[in-house]
Amino acid sequence: MISLHDHLQIYPENPSEYFEYTWRNRPFIGYEGLAASGLDAVFDGLLDGESIMTKDPLELG
């Protein structure tokens, strides 16, 4: 079975760690859950579309 819409990332349990997690752009993948899922292939965009804005866009001019 092939999945075209599954989210494989594991996010920090503590929401205050989310900014640093996303900033590093190194997503953790739930390989254990993926192995148990029975899927043969997964197409995932990882952090595509997920970003952190570090400056006020109005200040960028």
PDB file of N, CA and C in Angstrom:
ATOM      1  N   MET A   1       0.843  -1.170   0.000  1.00  0.00           N
ATOM      2  CA  MET A   1       0.000   0.000   0.000  1.00  0.00           C
ATOM      3  C   MET A   1       0.896   1.243   0.000  1.00  0.00           C
ATOM      4  N   ILE A   2       0.507   2.217  -0.765  1.00  0.00           N
ATOM      5  CA  ILE A   2       1.248   3.478  -0.873  1.00  0.00           C
ATOM      6  C   ILE A   2       0.398   4.608  -0.307  1.00  0.00           C
ATOM      7  N   SER A   3       1.022   5.441   0.518  1.00  0.00           N
ATOM      8  CA  SER A   3       0.314   6.590   1.094  1.00  0.00           C
ATOM      9  C   SER A   3       0.789   7.877   0.436  1.00  0.00           C
ATOM     10  N   LEU A   4      -0.146   8.676   0.002  1.00  0.00           N
ATOM     11  CA  LEU A   4       0.180   9.980  -0.577  1.00  0.00           C
ATOM     12  C   LEU A   4      -0.078  11.112   0.410  1.00  0.00           C
ATOM     13  N   HIS A   5      -0.575  10.776   1.603  1.00  0.00           N
ATOM     14  CA  HIS A   5      -0.864  11.827   2.580  1.00  0.00           C
ATOM     15  C   HIS A   5      -0.751  11.301   4.005  1.00  0.00           C
ATOM     16  N   ASP A   6       0.435  11.105   4.452  1.00  0.00           N
ATOM     17  CA  ASP A   6       0.684  10.780   5.848  1.00  0.00           C
ATOM     18  C   ASP A   6       1.754  11.718   6.364  1.00  0.00           C
ATOM     19  N   HIS A   7       1.695  12.004   7.637  1.00  0.00           N
ATOM     20  CA  HIS A   7       2.660  12.906   8.269  1.00  0.00           C
ATOM     21  C   HIS A   7       3.574  12.071   9.140  1.00  0.00           C
ATOM     22  N   LEU A   8       4.839  12.026   8.794  1.00  0.00           N
ATOM     23  CA  LEU A   8       5.782  11.129   9.444  1.00  0.00           C
ATOM     24  C   LEU A   8       6.585  11.776  10.559  1.00  0.00           C
ATOM     25  N   GLN A   9       6.484  13.094  10.711  1.00  0.00           N
ATOM     26  CA  GLN A   9       7.290  13.793  11.697  1.00  0.00           C
ATOM     27  C   GLN A   9       6.835  13.482  13.114  1.00  0.00           C
ATOM     28  N   ILE A  10       7.808  13.474  14.010  1.00  0.00           N
ATOM     29  CA  ILE A  10       7.542  13.392  15.440  1.00  0.00           C
ATOM     30  C   ILE A  10       7.897  14.760  16.006  1.00  0.00           C
ATOM     31  N   TYR A  11       6.938  15.398  16.644  1.00  0.00           N
ATOM     32  CA  TYR A  11       7.157  16.729  17.205  1.00  0.00           C
ATOM     33  C   TYR A  11       7.465  16.623  18.695  1.00  0.00           C
ATOM     34  N   PRO A  12       8.159  17.612  19.243  1.00  0.00           N
ATOM     35  CA  PRO A  12       8.473  17.592  20.671  1.00  0.00           C
ATOM     36  C   PRO A  12       7.194  17.560  21.518  1.00  0.00           C
ATOM     37  N   GLU A  13       7.255  16.843  22.631  1.00  0.00           N
ATOM     38  CA  GLU A  13       6.113  16.811  23.544  1.00  0.00           C
ATOM     39  C   GLU A  13       5.888  18.174  24.182  1.00  0.00           C
ATOM     40  N   ASN A  14       6.976  18.888  24.441  1.00  0.00           N
ATOM     41  CA  ASN A  14       6.898  20.208  25.067  1.00  0.00           C
ATOM     42  C   ASN A  14       6.743  21.266  23.973  1.00  0.00           C
ATOM     43  N   PRO A  15       5.595  21.938  23.890  1.00  0.00           N
ATOM     44  CA  PRO A  15       5.370  22.932  22.837  1.00  0.00           C
ATOM     45  C   PRO A  15       6.412  24.054  22.813  1.00  0.00           C
ATOM     46  N   SER A  16       7.041  24.347  23.946  1.00  0.00           N
ATOM     47  CA  SER A  16       8.038  25.420  23.956  1.00  0.00           C
ATOM     48  C   SER A  16       9.294  25.038  23.176  1.00  0.00           C
ATOM     49  N   GLU A  17       9.470  23.764  22.834  1.00  0.00           N
ATOM     50  CA  GLU A  17      10.636  23.309  22.064  1.00  0.00           C
ATOM     51  C   GLU A  17      10.375  23.322  20.557  1.00  0.00           C
ATOM     52  N   TYR A  18       9.141  23.643  20.161  1.00  0.00           N
ATOM     53  CA  TYR A  18       8.778  23.586  18.745  1.00  0.00           C
ATOM     54  C   TYR A  18       9.602  24.553  17.893  1.00  0.00           C
ATOM     55  N   PHE A  19       9.822  25.776  18.385  1.00  0.00           N
ATOM     56  CA  PHE A  19      10.558  26.775  17.604  1.00  0.00           C
ATOM     57  C   PHE A  19      11.954  26.268  17.264  1.00  0.00           C
ATOM     58  N   GLU A  20      12.682  25.768  18.251  1.00  0.00           N
ATOM     59  CA  GLU A  20      14.038  25.270  17.998  1.00  0.00           C
ATOM     60  C   GLU A  20      14.004  24.046  17.083  1.00  0.00           C
ATOM     61  N   TYR A  21      13.035  23.169  17.280  1.00  0.00           N
ATOM     62  CA  TYR A  21      12.898  21.977  16.443  1.00  0.00           C
ATOM     63  C   TYR A  21      12.742  22.367  14.974  1.00  0.00           C
ATOM     64  N   THR A  22      11.843  23.286  14.693  1.00  0.00           N
ATOM     65  CA  THR A  22      11.595  23.708  13.310  1.00  0.00           C
ATOM     66  C   THR A  22      12.761  24.522  12.762  1.00  0.00           C
ATOM     67  N   TRP A  23      13.369  25.338  13.591  1.00  0.00           N
ATOM     68  CA  TRP A  23      14.487  26.182  13.171  1.00  0.00           C
ATOM     69  C   TRP A  23      15.641  25.337  12.639  1.00  0.00           C
ATOM     70  N   ARG A  24      15.895  24.192  13.253  1.00  0.00           N
ATOM     71  CA  ARG A  24      17.003  23.319  12.843  1.00  0.00           C
ATOM     72  C   ARG A  24      16.733  22.629  11.514  1.00  0.00           C
ATOM     73  N   ASN A  25      15.468  22.569  11.100  1.00  0.00           N
ATOM     74  CA  ASN A  25      15.083  21.962   9.823  1.00  0.00           C
ATOM     75  C   ASN A  25      15.597  20.526   9.695  1.00  0.00           C
ATOM     76  N   ARG A  26      15.551  19.794  10.794  1.00  0.00           N
ATOM     77  CA  ARG A  26      15.956  18.386  10.830  1.00  0.00           C
ATOM     78  C   ARG A  26      14.818  17.573  11.442  1.00  0.00           C
ATOM     79  N   PRO A  27      13.781  17.281  10.650  1.00  0.00           N
ATOM     80  CA  PRO A  27      12.623  16.593  11.222  1.00  0.00           C
ATOM     81  C   PRO A  27      12.955  15.169  11.665  1.00  0.00           C
ATOM     82  N   PHE A  28      12.381  14.773  12.795  1.00  0.00           N
ATOM     83  CA  PHE A  28      12.502  13.397  13.247  1.00  0.00           C
ATOM     84  C   PHE A  28      11.357  12.602  12.629  1.00  0.00           C
ATOM     85  N   ILE A  29      11.669  11.439  12.113  1.00  0.00           N
ATOM     86  CA  ILE A  29      10.686  10.600  11.443  1.00  0.00           C
ATOM     87  C   ILE A  29      10.310   9.441  12.373  1.00  0.00           C
ATOM     88  N   GLY A  30       9.036   9.123  12.432  1.00  0.00           N
ATOM     89  CA  GLY A  30       8.550   8.033  13.277  1.00  0.00           C
ATOM     90  C   GLY A  30       8.735   6.686  12.602  1.00  0.00           C
ATOM     91  N   TYR A  31       9.980   6.229  12.509  1.00  0.00           N
ATOM     92  CA  TYR A  31      10.266   4.979  11.805  1.00  0.00           C
ATOM     93  C   TYR A  31       9.592   3.773  12.457  1.00  0.00           C
ATOM     94  N   GLU A  32       9.508   3.774  13.779  1.00  0.00           N
ATOM     95  CA  GLU A  32       8.894   2.639  14.467  1.00  0.00           C
ATOM     96  C   GLU A  32       7.413   2.524  14.098  1.00  0.00           C
ATOM     97  N   GLY A  33       6.720   3.656  14.112  1.00  0.00           N
ATOM     98  CA  GLY A  33       5.313   3.653  13.722  1.00  0.00           C
ATOM     99  C   GLY A  33       5.131   3.345  12.246  1.00  0.00           C
ATOM    100  N   LEU A  34       6.033   3.831  11.432  1.00  0.00           N
ATOM    101  CA  LEU A  34       5.976   3.570   9.993  1.00  0.00           C
ATOM    102  C   LEU A  34       6.145   2.076   9.713  1.00  0.00           C
ATOM    103  N   ALA A  35       7.083   1.431  10.422  1.00  0.00           N
ATOM    104  CA  ALA A  35       7.309  -0.010  10.242  1.00  0.00           C
ATOM    105  C   ALA A  35       6.067  -0.813  10.634  1.00  0.00           C
ATOM    106  N   ALA A  36       5.349  -0.365  11.658  1.00  0.00           N
ATOM    107  CA  ALA A  36       4.158  -1.079  12.122  1.00  0.00           C
ATOM    108  C   ALA A  36       2.913  -0.772  11.290  1.00  0.00           C
ATOM    109  N   SER A  37       2.991   0.237  10.425  1.00  0.00           N
ATOM    110  CA  SER A  37       1.806   0.698   9.692  1.00  0.00           C
ATOM    111  C   SER A  37       1.371  -0.234   8.566  1.00  0.00           C
ATOM    112  N   GLY A  38       2.286  -1.021   8.044  1.00  0.00           N
ATOM    113  CA  GLY A  38       1.951  -1.879   6.912  1.00  0.00           C
ATOM    114  C   GLY A  38       2.061  -1.180   5.567  1.00  0.00           C
ATOM    115  N   LEU A  39       2.494   0.088   5.565  1.00  0.00           N
ATOM    116  CA  LEU A  39       2.669   0.816   4.305  1.00  0.00           C
ATOM    117  C   LEU A  39       3.952   0.360   3.609  1.00  0.00           C
ATOM    118  N   ASP A  40       3.909   0.298   2.284  1.00  0.00           N
ATOM    119  CA  ASP A  40       5.091  -0.047   1.499  1.00  0.00           C
ATOM    120  C   ASP A  40       5.876   1.190   1.090  1.00  0.00           C
ATOM    121  N   ALA A  41       5.185   2.302   0.902  1.00  0.00           N
ATOM    122  CA  ALA A  41       5.829   3.550   0.485  1.00  0.00           C
ATOM    123  C   ALA A  41       4.996   4.729   0.971  1.00  0.00           C
ATOM    124  N   VAL A  42       5.693   5.825   1.261  1.00  0.00           N
ATOM    125  CA  VAL A  42       5.032   7.050   1.705  1.00  0.00           C
ATOM    126  C   VAL A  42       5.682   8.223   0.986  1.00  0.00           C
ATOM    127  N   PHE A  43       4.879   9.091   0.413  1.00  0.00           N
ATOM    128  CA  PHE A  43       5.364  10.339  -0.172  1.00  0.00           C
ATOM    129  C   PHE A  43       5.034  11.443   0.824  1.00  0.00           C
ATOM    130  N   ASP A  44       6.069  12.089   1.349  1.00  0.00           N
ATOM    131  CA  ASP A  44       5.882  13.101   2.387  1.00  0.00           C
ATOM    132  C   ASP A  44       6.717  14.316   2.040  1.00  0.00           C
ATOM    133  N   GLY A  45       6.149  15.501   2.207  1.00  0.00           N
ATOM    134  CA  GLY A  45       6.869  16.736   1.918  1.00  0.00           C
ATOM    135  C   GLY A  45       7.748  17.204   3.065  1.00  0.00           C
ATOM    136  N   LEU A  46       7.809  16.412   4.162  1.00  0.00           N
ATOM    137  CA  LEU A  46       8.565  16.756   5.363  1.00  0.00           C
ATOM    138  C   LEU A  46       8.188  18.150   5.826  1.00  0.00           C
ATOM    139  N   LEU A  47       9.096  19.093   5.822  1.00  0.00           N
ATOM    140  CA  LEU A  47       8.769  20.429   6.337  1.00  0.00           C
ATOM    141  C   LEU A  47       8.344  21.390   5.230  1.00  0.00           C
ATOM    142  N   ASP A  48       7.973  20.872   4.076  1.00  0.00           N
ATOM    143  CA  ASP A  48       7.526  21.731   2.992  1.00  0.00           C
ATOM    144  C   ASP A  48       6.274  22.486   3.428  1.00  0.00           C
ATOM    145  N   GLY A  49       6.360  23.788   3.401  1.00  0.00           N
ATOM    146  CA  GLY A  49       5.224  24.611   3.812  1.00  0.00           C
ATOM    147  C   GLY A  49       5.236  24.988   5.280  1.00  0.00           C
ATOM    148  N   GLU A  50       6.178  24.460   6.017  1.00  0.00           N
ATOM    149  CA  GLU A  50       6.290  24.783   7.434  1.00  0.00           C
ATOM    150  C   GLU A  50       7.516  25.675   7.603  1.00  0.00           C
ATOM    151  N   SER A  51       7.312  26.848   8.140  1.00  0.00           N
ATOM    152  CA  SER A  51       8.446  27.765   8.271  1.00  0.00           C
ATOM    153  C   SER A  51       8.280  28.624   9.517  1.00  0.00           C
ATOM    154  N   ILE A  52       9.357  29.261   9.873  1.00  0.00           N
ATOM    155  CA  ILE A  52       9.371  30.154  11.032  1.00  0.00           C
ATOM    156  C   ILE A  52       9.747  31.544  10.536  1.00  0.00           C
ATOM    157  N   MET A  53       8.933  32.519  10.846  1.00  0.00           N
ATOM    158  CA  MET A  53       9.254  33.891  10.487  1.00  0.00           C
ATOM    159  C   MET A  53      10.016  34.500  11.654  1.00  0.00           C
ATOM    160  N   THR A  54      11.217  34.972  11.384  1.00  0.00           N
ATOM    161  CA  THR A  54      12.064  35.493  12.471  1.00  0.00           C
ATOM    162  C   THR A  54      12.044  36.999  12.553  1.00  0.00           C
ATOM    163  N   LYS A  55      11.494  37.684  11.578  1.00  0.00           N
ATOM    164  CA  LYS A  55      11.411  39.147  11.607  1.00  0.00           C
ATOM    165  C   LYS A  55      10.004  39.589  11.213  1.00  0.00           C
ATOM    166  N   ASP A  56       9.638  40.723  11.679  1.00  0.00           N
ATOM    167  CA  ASP A  56       8.371  41.303  11.301  1.00  0.00           C
ATOM    168  C   ASP A  56       8.441  41.644   9.812  1.00  0.00           C
ATOM    169  N   PRO A  57       7.542  41.126   8.964  1.00  0.00           N
ATOM    170  CA  PRO A  57       7.619  41.406   7.528  1.00  0.00           C
ATOM    171  C   PRO A  57       7.562  42.895   7.202  1.00  0.00           C
ATOM    172  N   LEU A  58       6.959  43.684   8.062  1.00  0.00           N
ATOM    173  CA  LEU A  58       6.892  45.133   7.811  1.00  0.00           C
ATOM    174  C   LEU A  58       8.253  45.793   7.992  1.00  0.00           C
ATOM    175  N   GLU A  59       9.134  45.167   8.792  1.00  0.00           N
ATOM    176  CA  GLU A  59      10.469  45.712   8.992  1.00  0.00           C
ATOM    177  C   GLU A  59      11.406  45.407   7.826  1.00  0.00           C
ATOM    178  N   LEU A  60      11.055  44.434   6.990  1.00  0.00           N
ATOM    179  CA  LEU A  60      11.935  44.039   5.902  1.00  0.00           C
ATOM    180  C   LEU A  60      11.926  45.049   4.751  1.00  0.00           C
ATOM    181  N   GLY A  61      10.916  45.891   4.726  1.00  0.00           N
ATOM    182  CA  GLY A  61      10.848  46.974   3.757  1.00  0.00           C
ATOM    183  C   GLY A  61      10.552  46.550   2.400  1.00  0.00           C
TER     184      GLY A  61
END
